[in-house]
Amino acid sequence: MVEMVFYSIGVDKPIEPWEPLPPLPEIPRGALVVMEGRAPIWRYGMAFHKLHGSPAGAIAVFDPRLGAVVIASHRPQWHEGQVIDVDPPR
C-alpha cells in the first residue's frame, strides 16, 4: 500500500503572492500527495512547483465535490484525471 499525504495550503484571510507556503510535510518516496485548502489558484501553482522536486510519486488536488483529482503521476497505479474518494483530515 502506497502512502497518501495531505498538504494543506489553505488560507483564512486574503494573502499576497510573496507570503510563504507552509513547509512540505514529510513525504515518503512514491507517496501520493493531495494538496488541499481554500487558496488562490496562483498559490496552488506555487505549491505544485514546490512539490515537483519532492519524493512524491503522484500529486492530486482535493475538490470537495469530487475527491482527490490526480494532476501528475509517475506511478502506474495513478493517472492524470483519476478521482480518488478521500476526505482531508480536519
PDB file of N, CA and C in Angstrom:
ATOM      1  N   MET A   1       0.847  -1.191   0.000  1.00  0.00           N
ATOM      2  CA  MET A   1       0.000   0.000   0.000  1.00  0.00           C
ATOM      3  C   MET A   1       0.888   1.249   0.000  1.00  0.00           C
ATOM      4  N   VAL A   2       0.692   2.108  -0.951  1.00  0.00           N
ATOM      5  CA  VAL A   2       1.453   3.354  -1.038  1.00  0.00           C
ATOM      6  C   VAL A   2       0.777   4.400  -0.164  1.00  0.00           C
ATOM      7  N   GLU A   3       1.580   5.191   0.499  1.00  0.00           N
ATOM      8  CA  GLU A   3       1.049   6.191   1.423  1.00  0.00           C
ATOM      9  C   GLU A   3       0.424   7.384   0.712  1.00  0.00           C
ATOM     10  N   MET A   4      -0.518   8.013   1.413  1.00  0.00           N
ATOM     11  CA  MET A   4      -1.139   9.244   0.958  1.00  0.00           C
ATOM     12  C   MET A   4      -0.837  10.317   2.006  1.00  0.00           C
ATOM     13  N   VAL A   5      -0.373  11.470   1.530  1.00  0.00           N
ATOM     14  CA  VAL A   5      -0.001  12.576   2.411  1.00  0.00           C
ATOM     15  C   VAL A   5      -0.808  13.801   1.997  1.00  0.00           C
ATOM     16  N   PHE A   6      -1.374  14.505   2.960  1.00  0.00           N
ATOM     17  CA  PHE A   6      -2.097  15.737   2.663  1.00  0.00           C
ATOM     18  C   PHE A   6      -1.193  16.937   2.905  1.00  0.00           C
ATOM     19  N   TYR A   7      -1.266  17.900   1.989  1.00  0.00           N
ATOM     20  CA  TYR A   7      -0.505  19.150   2.096  1.00  0.00           C
ATOM     21  C   TYR A   7      -1.516  20.286   2.063  1.00  0.00           C
ATOM     22  N   SER A   8      -1.786  20.868   3.224  1.00  0.00           N
ATOM     23  CA  SER A   8      -2.780  21.934   3.334  1.00  0.00           C
ATOM     24  C   SER A   8      -2.128  23.287   3.052  1.00  0.00           C
ATOM     25  N   ILE A   9      -2.633  23.973   2.028  1.00  0.00           N
ATOM     26  CA  ILE A   9      -2.109  25.295   1.674  1.00  0.00           C
ATOM     27  C   ILE A   9      -3.186  26.369   1.837  1.00  0.00           C
ATOM     28  N   GLY A  10      -4.303  26.010   2.446  1.00  0.00           N
ATOM     29  CA  GLY A  10      -5.423  26.923   2.595  1.00  0.00           C
ATOM     30  C   GLY A  10      -5.111  28.124   3.462  1.00  0.00           C
ATOM     31  N   VAL A  11      -5.854  29.184   3.212  1.00  0.00           N
ATOM     32  CA  VAL A  11      -5.720  30.422   3.976  1.00  0.00           C
ATOM     33  C   VAL A  11      -7.104  30.854   4.451  1.00  0.00           C
ATOM     34  N   ASP A  12      -7.127  31.639   5.540  1.00  0.00           N
ATOM     35  CA  ASP A  12      -8.420  32.103   6.060  1.00  0.00           C
ATOM     36  C   ASP A  12      -8.586  33.609   5.953  1.00  0.00           C
ATOM     37  N   LYS A  13      -7.647  34.250   5.238  1.00  0.00           N
ATOM     38  CA  LYS A  13      -7.739  35.697   5.005  1.00  0.00           C
ATOM     39  C   LYS A  13      -7.020  35.994   3.688  1.00  0.00           C
ATOM     40  N   PRO A  14      -7.271  37.154   3.101  1.00  0.00           N
ATOM     41  CA  PRO A  14      -6.556  37.491   1.864  1.00  0.00           C
ATOM     42  C   PRO A  14      -5.037  37.483   2.098  1.00  0.00           C
ATOM     43  N   ILE A  15      -4.314  37.003   1.099  1.00  0.00           N
ATOM     44  CA  ILE A  15      -2.857  36.945   1.196  1.00  0.00           C
ATOM     45  C   ILE A  15      -2.242  37.544  -0.064  1.00  0.00           C
ATOM     46  N   GLU A  16      -0.955  37.762  -0.003  1.00  0.00           N
ATOM     47  CA  GLU A  16      -0.200  38.286  -1.133  1.00  0.00           C
ATOM     48  C   GLU A  16       0.724  37.189  -1.667  1.00  0.00           C
ATOM     49  N   PRO A  17       1.099  37.269  -2.944  1.00  0.00           N
ATOM     50  CA  PRO A  17       1.931  36.210  -3.532  1.00  0.00           C
ATOM     51  C   PRO A  17       3.283  36.006  -2.858  1.00  0.00           C
ATOM     52  N   TRP A  18       3.821  37.006  -2.183  1.00  0.00           N
ATOM     53  CA  TRP A  18       5.140  36.838  -1.560  1.00  0.00           C
ATOM     54  C   TRP A  18       5.070  36.129  -0.207  1.00  0.00           C
ATOM     55  N   GLU A  19       3.857  35.893   0.298  1.00  0.00           N
ATOM     56  CA  GLU A  19       3.737  35.181   1.573  1.00  0.00           C
ATOM     57  C   GLU A  19       4.079  33.704   1.358  1.00  0.00           C
ATOM     58  N   PRO A  20       4.891  33.136   2.248  1.00  0.00           N
ATOM     59  CA  PRO A  20       5.393  31.774   2.009  1.00  0.00           C
ATOM     60  C   PRO A  20       4.335  30.694   2.144  1.00  0.00           C
ATOM     61  N   LEU A  21       4.580  29.616   1.440  1.00  0.00           N
ATOM     62  CA  LEU A  21       3.772  28.414   1.589  1.00  0.00           C
ATOM     63  C   LEU A  21       4.133  27.733   2.900  1.00  0.00           C
ATOM     64  N   PRO A  22       3.234  26.913   3.419  1.00  0.00           N
ATOM     65  CA  PRO A  22       3.608  26.117   4.584  1.00  0.00           C
ATOM     66  C   PRO A  22       4.747  25.161   4.191  1.00  0.00           C
ATOM     67  N   PRO A  23       5.555  24.740   5.155  1.00  0.00           N
ATOM     68  CA  PRO A  23       6.595  23.761   4.827  1.00  0.00           C
ATOM     69  C   PRO A  23       5.959  22.468   4.323  1.00  0.00           C
ATOM     70  N   LEU A  24       6.674  21.775   3.465  1.00  0.00           N
ATOM     71  CA  LEU A  24       6.177  20.488   2.980  1.00  0.00           C
ATOM     72  C   LEU A  24       6.091  19.499   4.136  1.00  0.00           C
ATOM     73  N   PRO A  25       5.067  18.640   4.122  1.00  0.00           N
ATOM     74  CA  PRO A  25       5.024  17.578   5.126  1.00  0.00           C
ATOM     75  C   PRO A  25       6.100  16.541   4.787  1.00  0.00           C
ATOM     76  N   GLU A  26       6.325  15.612   5.670  1.00  0.00           N
ATOM     77  CA  GLU A  26       7.224  14.504   5.362  1.00  0.00           C
ATOM     78  C   GLU A  26       6.565  13.666   4.265  1.00  0.00           C
ATOM     79  N   ILE A  27       7.296  13.439   3.176  1.00  0.00           N
ATOM     80  CA  ILE A  27       6.744  12.723   2.024  1.00  0.00           C
ATOM     81  C   ILE A  27       7.582  11.477   1.767  1.00  0.00           C
ATOM     82  N   PRO A  28       7.028  10.298   2.060  1.00  0.00           N
ATOM     83  CA  PRO A  28       7.748   9.073   1.746  1.00  0.00           C
ATOM     84  C   PRO A  28       7.897   8.921   0.223  1.00  0.00           C
ATOM     85  N   ARG A  29       9.007   8.331  -0.211  1.00  0.00           N
ATOM     86  CA  ARG A  29       9.240   8.145  -1.643  1.00  0.00           C
ATOM     87  C   ARG A  29       8.079   7.389  -2.273  1.00  0.00           C
ATOM     88  N   GLY A  30       7.537   7.958  -3.350  1.00  0.00           N
ATOM     89  CA  GLY A  30       6.454   7.332  -4.092  1.00  0.00           C
ATOM     90  C   GLY A  30       5.059   7.630  -3.587  1.00  0.00           C
ATOM     91  N   ALA A  31       4.929   8.404  -2.518  1.00  0.00           N
ATOM     92  CA  ALA A  31       3.615   8.687  -1.935  1.00  0.00           C
ATOM     93  C   ALA A  31       2.765   9.553  -2.863  1.00  0.00           C
ATOM     94  N   LEU A  32       1.456   9.450  -2.686  1.00  0.00           N
ATOM     95  CA  LEU A  32       0.509  10.344  -3.342  1.00  0.00           C
ATOM     96  C   LEU A  32       0.336  11.548  -2.422  1.00  0.00           C
ATOM     97  N   VAL A  33       0.620  12.747  -2.925  1.00  0.00           N
ATOM     98  CA  VAL A  33       0.436  13.965  -2.143  1.00  0.00           C
ATOM     99  C   VAL A  33      -0.838  14.650  -2.636  1.00  0.00           C
ATOM    100  N   VAL A  34      -1.744  14.923  -1.707  1.00  0.00           N
ATOM    101  CA  VAL A  34      -3.003  15.591  -2.026  1.00  0.00           C
ATOM    102  C   VAL A  34      -2.927  17.014  -1.473  1.00  0.00           C
ATOM    103  N   MET A  35      -2.912  18.003  -2.380  1.00  0.00           N
ATOM    104  CA  MET A  35      -2.950  19.407  -1.953  1.00  0.00           C
ATOM    105  C   MET A  35      -4.399  19.762  -1.654  1.00  0.00           C
ATOM    106  N   GLU A  36      -4.599  20.508  -0.574  1.00  0.00           N
ATOM    107  CA  GLU A  36      -5.973  20.889  -0.238  1.00  0.00           C
ATOM    108  C   GLU A  36      -5.994  22.203   0.507  1.00  0.00           C
ATOM    109  N   GLY A  37      -7.177  22.804   0.547  1.00  0.00           N
ATOM    110  CA  GLY A  37      -7.388  24.055   1.262  1.00  0.00           C
ATOM    111  C   GLY A  37      -7.859  25.152   0.324  1.00  0.00           C
ATOM    112  N   ARG A  38      -8.598  26.080   0.891  1.00  0.00           N
ATOM    113  CA  ARG A  38      -9.100  27.208   0.114  1.00  0.00           C
ATOM    114  C   ARG A  38      -7.972  28.219  -0.060  1.00  0.00           C
ATOM    115  N   ALA A  39      -7.601  28.455  -1.328  1.00  0.00           N
ATOM    116  CA  ALA A  39      -6.469  29.341  -1.622  1.00  0.00           C
ATOM    117  C   ALA A  39      -6.563  29.818  -3.071  1.00  0.00           C
ATOM    118  N   PRO A  40      -5.914  30.933  -3.381  1.00  0.00           N
ATOM    119  CA  PRO A  40      -5.897  31.412  -4.769  1.00  0.00           C
ATOM    120  C   PRO A  40      -5.203  30.395  -5.683  1.00  0.00           C
ATOM    121  N   ILE A  41      -5.589  30.414  -6.943  1.00  0.00           N
ATOM    122  CA  ILE A  41      -5.028  29.462  -7.905  1.00  0.00           C
ATOM    123  C   ILE A  41      -3.513  29.615  -8.015  1.00  0.00           C
ATOM    124  N   TRP A  42      -2.994  30.841  -7.901  1.00  0.00           N
ATOM    125  CA  TRP A  42      -1.541  31.012  -8.002  1.00  0.00           C
ATOM    126  C   TRP A  42      -0.824  30.332  -6.848  1.00  0.00           C
ATOM    127  N   ARG A  43      -1.474  30.233  -5.692  1.00  0.00           N
ATOM    128  CA  ARG A  43      -0.857  29.533  -4.560  1.00  0.00           C
ATOM    129  C   ARG A  43      -0.764  28.036  -4.848  1.00  0.00           C
ATOM    130  N   TYR A  44      -1.777  27.494  -5.515  1.00  0.00           N
ATOM    131  CA  TYR A  44      -1.725  26.087  -5.925  1.00  0.00           C
ATOM    132  C   TYR A  44      -0.601  25.852  -6.920  1.00  0.00           C
ATOM    133  N   GLY A  45      -0.417  26.797  -7.850  1.00  0.00           N
ATOM    134  CA  GLY A  45       0.683  26.680  -8.808  1.00  0.00           C
ATOM    135  C   GLY A  45       2.030  26.682  -8.113  1.00  0.00           C
ATOM    136  N   MET A  46       2.198  27.560  -7.135  1.00  0.00           N
ATOM    137  CA  MET A  46       3.452  27.621  -6.374  1.00  0.00           C
ATOM    138  C   MET A  46       3.675  26.319  -5.600  1.00  0.00           C
ATOM    139  N   ALA A  47       2.613  25.781  -5.007  1.00  0.00           N
ATOM    140  CA  ALA A  47       2.736  24.532  -4.253  1.00  0.00           C
ATOM    141  C   ALA A  47       3.083  23.375  -5.182  1.00  0.00           C
ATOM    142  N   PHE A  48       2.462  23.337  -6.354  1.00  0.00           N
ATOM    143  CA  PHE A  48       2.771  22.281  -7.322  1.00  0.00           C
ATOM    144  C   PHE A  48       4.248  22.351  -7.706  1.00  0.00           C
ATOM    145  N   HIS A  49       4.748  23.542  -7.946  1.00  0.00           N
ATOM    146  CA  HIS A  49       6.160  23.709  -8.293  1.00  0.00           C
ATOM    147  C   HIS A  49       7.059  23.232  -7.153  1.00  0.00           C
ATOM    148  N   LYS A  50       6.689  23.564  -5.927  1.00  0.00           N
ATOM    149  CA  LYS A  50       7.473  23.146  -4.758  1.00  0.00           C
ATOM    150  C   LYS A  50       7.477  21.621  -4.628  1.00  0.00           C
ATOM    151  N   LEU A  51       6.357  20.987  -4.934  1.00  0.00           N
ATOM    152  CA  LEU A  51       6.254  19.528  -4.832  1.00  0.00           C
ATOM    153  C   LEU A  51       6.991  18.808  -5.957  1.00  0.00           C
ATOM    154  N   HIS A  52       7.247  19.508  -7.048  1.00  0.00           N
ATOM    155  CA  HIS A  52       7.879  18.867  -8.212  1.00  0.00           C
ATOM    156  C   HIS A  52       9.210  18.209  -7.852  1.00  0.00           C
ATOM    157  N   GLY A  53       9.974  18.805  -6.968  1.00  0.00           N
ATOM    158  CA  GLY A  53      11.264  18.249  -6.582  1.00  0.00           C
ATOM    159  C   GLY A  53      11.198  17.316  -5.383  1.00  0.00           C
ATOM    160  N   SER A  54      10.009  16.978  -4.942  1.00  0.00           N
ATOM    161  CA  SER A  54       9.855  16.129  -3.760  1.00  0.00           C
ATOM    162  C   SER A  54       9.892  14.649  -4.154  1.00  0.00           C
ATOM    163  N   PRO A  55       9.925  13.755  -3.164  1.00  0.00           N
ATOM    164  CA  PRO A  55       9.900  12.322  -3.477  1.00  0.00           C
ATOM    165  C   PRO A  55       8.508  11.777  -3.807  1.00  0.00           C
ATOM    166  N   ALA A  56       7.513  12.653  -3.977  1.00  0.00           N
ATOM    167  CA  ALA A  56       6.152  12.205  -4.294  1.00  0.00           C
ATOM    168  C   ALA A  56       6.120  11.417  -5.600  1.00  0.00           C
ATOM    169  N   GLY A  57       5.300  10.384  -5.630  1.00  0.00           N
ATOM    170  CA  GLY A  57       5.108   9.605  -6.849  1.00  0.00           C
ATOM    171  C   GLY A  57       3.968  10.149  -7.681  1.00  0.00           C
ATOM    172  N   ALA A  58       3.057  10.880  -7.046  1.00  0.00           N
ATOM    173  CA  ALA A  58       1.927  11.488  -7.747  1.00  0.00           C
ATOM    174  C   ALA A  58       1.411  12.641  -6.906  1.00  0.00           C
ATOM    175  N   ILE A  59       0.753  13.579  -7.588  1.00  0.00           N
ATOM    176  CA  ILE A  59       0.190  14.751  -6.924  1.00  0.00           C
ATOM    177  C   ILE A  59      -1.267  14.883  -7.342  1.00  0.00           C
ATOM    178  N   ALA A  60      -2.114  15.161  -6.357  1.00  0.00           N
ATOM    179  CA  ALA A  60      -3.536  15.361  -6.619  1.00  0.00           C
ATOM    180  C   ALA A  60      -3.981  16.649  -5.940  1.00  0.00           C
ATOM    181  N   VAL A  61      -5.103  17.165  -6.396  1.00  0.00           N
ATOM    182  CA  VAL A  61      -5.721  18.351  -5.812  1.00  0.00           C
ATOM    183  C   VAL A  61      -7.090  17.931  -5.287  1.00  0.00           C
ATOM    184  N   PHE A  62      -7.391  18.315  -4.053  1.00  0.00           N
ATOM    185  CA  PHE A  62      -8.673  17.946  -3.466  1.00  0.00           C
ATOM    186  C   PHE A  62      -9.767  18.890  -3.938  1.00  0.00           C
ATOM    187  N   ASP A  63     -10.853  18.310  -4.433  1.00  0.00           N
ATOM    188  CA  ASP A  63     -12.059  19.039  -4.818  1.00  0.00           C
ATOM    189  C   ASP A  63     -13.178  18.510  -3.923  1.00  0.00           C
ATOM    190  N   PRO A  64     -13.809  19.376  -3.117  1.00  0.00           N
ATOM    191  CA  PRO A  64     -14.820  18.880  -2.179  1.00  0.00           C
ATOM    192  C   PRO A  64     -16.000  18.169  -2.844  1.00  0.00           C
ATOM    193  N   ARG A  65     -16.265  18.455  -4.102  1.00  0.00           N
ATOM    194  CA  ARG A  65     -17.379  17.800  -4.799  1.00  0.00           C
ATOM    195  C   ARG A  65     -16.992  16.437  -5.371  1.00  0.00           C
ATOM    196  N   LEU A  66     -15.700  16.232  -5.639  1.00  0.00           N
ATOM    197  CA  LEU A  66     -15.260  15.011  -6.315  1.00  0.00           C
ATOM    198  C   LEU A  66     -14.401  14.100  -5.461  1.00  0.00           C
ATOM    199  N   GLY A  67     -13.447  14.683  -4.768  1.00  0.00           N
ATOM    200  CA  GLY A  67     -12.412  13.924  -4.063  1.00  0.00           C
ATOM    201  C   GLY A  67     -11.064  14.430  -4.542  1.00  0.00           C
ATOM    202  N   ALA A  68     -10.041  13.605  -4.462  1.00  0.00           N
ATOM    203  CA  ALA A  68      -8.704  13.984  -4.899  1.00  0.00           C
ATOM    204  C   ALA A  68      -8.567  13.679  -6.400  1.00  0.00           C
ATOM    205  N   VAL A  69      -8.243  14.705  -7.177  1.00  0.00           N
ATOM    206  CA  VAL A  69      -8.083  14.551  -8.625  1.00  0.00           C
ATOM    207  C   VAL A  69      -6.589  14.557  -8.933  1.00  0.00           C
ATOM    208  N   VAL A  70      -6.086  13.466  -9.490  1.00  0.00           N
ATOM    209  CA  VAL A  70      -4.661  13.345  -9.807  1.00  0.00           C
ATOM    210  C   VAL A  70      -4.323  14.298 -10.947  1.00  0.00           C
ATOM    211  N   ILE A  71      -3.285  15.120 -10.738  1.00  0.00           N
ATOM    212  CA  ILE A  71      -2.876  16.079 -11.767  1.00  0.00           C
ATOM    213  C   ILE A  71      -1.505  15.759 -12.354  1.00  0.00           C
ATOM    214  N   ALA A  72      -0.738  14.906 -11.685  1.00  0.00           N
ATOM    215  CA  ALA A  72       0.580  14.492 -12.194  1.00  0.00           C
ATOM    216  C   ALA A  72       0.932  13.163 -11.546  1.00  0.00           C
ATOM    217  N   SER A  73       1.526  12.264 -12.326  1.00  0.00           N
ATOM    218  CA  SER A  73       1.872  10.963 -11.771  1.00  0.00           C
ATOM    219  C   SER A  73       3.072  10.349 -12.479  1.00  0.00           C
ATOM    220  N   HIS A  74       3.894   9.689 -11.684  1.00  0.00           N
ATOM    221  CA  HIS A  74       4.991   8.870 -12.190  1.00  0.00           C
ATOM    222  C   HIS A  74       4.835   7.438 -11.680  1.00  0.00           C
ATOM    223  N   ARG A  75       3.641   7.088 -11.250  1.00  0.00           N
ATOM    224  CA  ARG A  75       3.356   5.770 -10.700  1.00  0.00           C
ATOM    225  C   ARG A  75       2.250   5.116 -11.515  1.00  0.00           C
ATOM    226  N   PRO A  76       2.361   3.816 -11.783  1.00  0.00           N
ATOM    227  CA  PRO A  76       1.341   3.154 -12.618  1.00  0.00           C
ATOM    228  C   PRO A  76      -0.041   3.060 -11.984  1.00  0.00           C
ATOM    229  N   GLN A  77      -0.132   3.126 -10.656  1.00  0.00           N
ATOM    230  CA  GLN A  77      -1.447   2.992 -10.025  1.00  0.00           C
ATOM    231  C   GLN A  77      -2.294   4.259 -10.090  1.00  0.00           C
ATOM    232  N   TRP A  78      -1.697   5.384 -10.487  1.00  0.00           N
ATOM    233  CA  TRP A  78      -2.443   6.627 -10.622  1.00  0.00           C
ATOM    234  C   TRP A  78      -2.218   7.213 -12.004  1.00  0.00           C
ATOM    235  N   HIS A  79      -3.255   7.853 -12.534  1.00  0.00           N
ATOM    236  CA  HIS A  79      -3.127   8.529 -13.830  1.00  0.00           C
ATOM    237  C   HIS A  79      -3.829   9.886 -13.762  1.00  0.00           C
ATOM    238  N   GLU A  80      -3.354  10.815 -14.592  1.00  0.00           N
ATOM    239  CA  GLU A  80      -3.931  12.155 -14.625  1.00  0.00           C
ATOM    240  C   GLU A  80      -5.431  12.068 -14.886  1.00  0.00           C
ATOM    241  N   GLY A  81      -6.195  12.798 -14.092  1.00  0.00           N
ATOM    242  CA  GLY A  81      -7.648  12.798 -14.220  1.00  0.00           C
ATOM    243  C   GLY A  81      -8.342  11.765 -13.343  1.00  0.00           C
ATOM    244  N   GLN A  82      -7.593  10.863 -12.759  1.00  0.00           N
ATOM    245  CA  GLN A  82      -8.185   9.861 -11.872  1.00  0.00           C
ATOM    246  C   GLN A  82      -8.725  10.550 -10.620  1.00  0.00           C
ATOM    247  N   VAL A  83      -9.907  10.148 -10.170  1.00  0.00           N
ATOM    248  CA  VAL A  83     -10.519  10.700  -8.969  1.00  0.00           C
ATOM    249  C   VAL A  83     -10.450   9.651  -7.872  1.00  0.00           C
ATOM    250  N   ILE A  84      -9.921  10.036  -6.724  1.00  0.00           N
ATOM    251  CA  ILE A  84      -9.765   9.141  -5.591  1.00  0.00           C
ATOM    252  C   ILE A  84     -10.684   9.629  -4.485  1.00  0.00           C
ATOM    253  N   ASP A  85     -11.510   8.732  -3.975  1.00  0.00           N
ATOM    254  CA  ASP A  85     -12.503   9.076  -2.958  1.00  0.00           C
ATOM    255  C   ASP A  85     -11.834   9.176  -1.583  1.00  0.00           C
ATOM    256  N   VAL A  86     -11.494  10.400  -1.182  1.00  0.00           N
ATOM    257  CA  VAL A  86     -10.869  10.640   0.125  1.00  0.00           C
ATOM    258  C   VAL A  86     -11.423  11.936   0.701  1.00  0.00           C
ATOM    259  N   ASP A  87     -11.261  12.080   1.993  1.00  0.00           N
ATOM    260  CA  ASP A  87     -11.573  13.344   2.672  1.00  0.00           C
ATOM    261  C   ASP A  87     -10.313  13.773   3.395  1.00  0.00           C
ATOM    262  N   PRO A  88      -9.949  15.060   3.297  1.00  0.00           N
ATOM    263  CA  PRO A  88      -8.757  15.512   4.024  1.00  0.00           C
ATOM    264  C   PRO A  88      -9.002  15.498   5.528  1.00  0.00           C
ATOM    265  N   PRO A  89      -7.934  15.346   6.284  1.00  0.00           N
ATOM    266  CA  PRO A  89      -8.095  15.386   7.746  1.00  0.00           C
ATOM    267  C   PRO A  89      -8.539  16.784   8.188  1.00  0.00           C
ATOM    268  N   ARG A  90      -9.291  16.850   9.237  1.00  0.00           N
ATOM    269  CA  ARG A  90      -9.774  18.147   9.750  1.00  0.00           C
ATOM    270  C   ARG A  90      -9.111  18.479  11.038  1.00  0.00           C
TER     271      ARG A  90
END
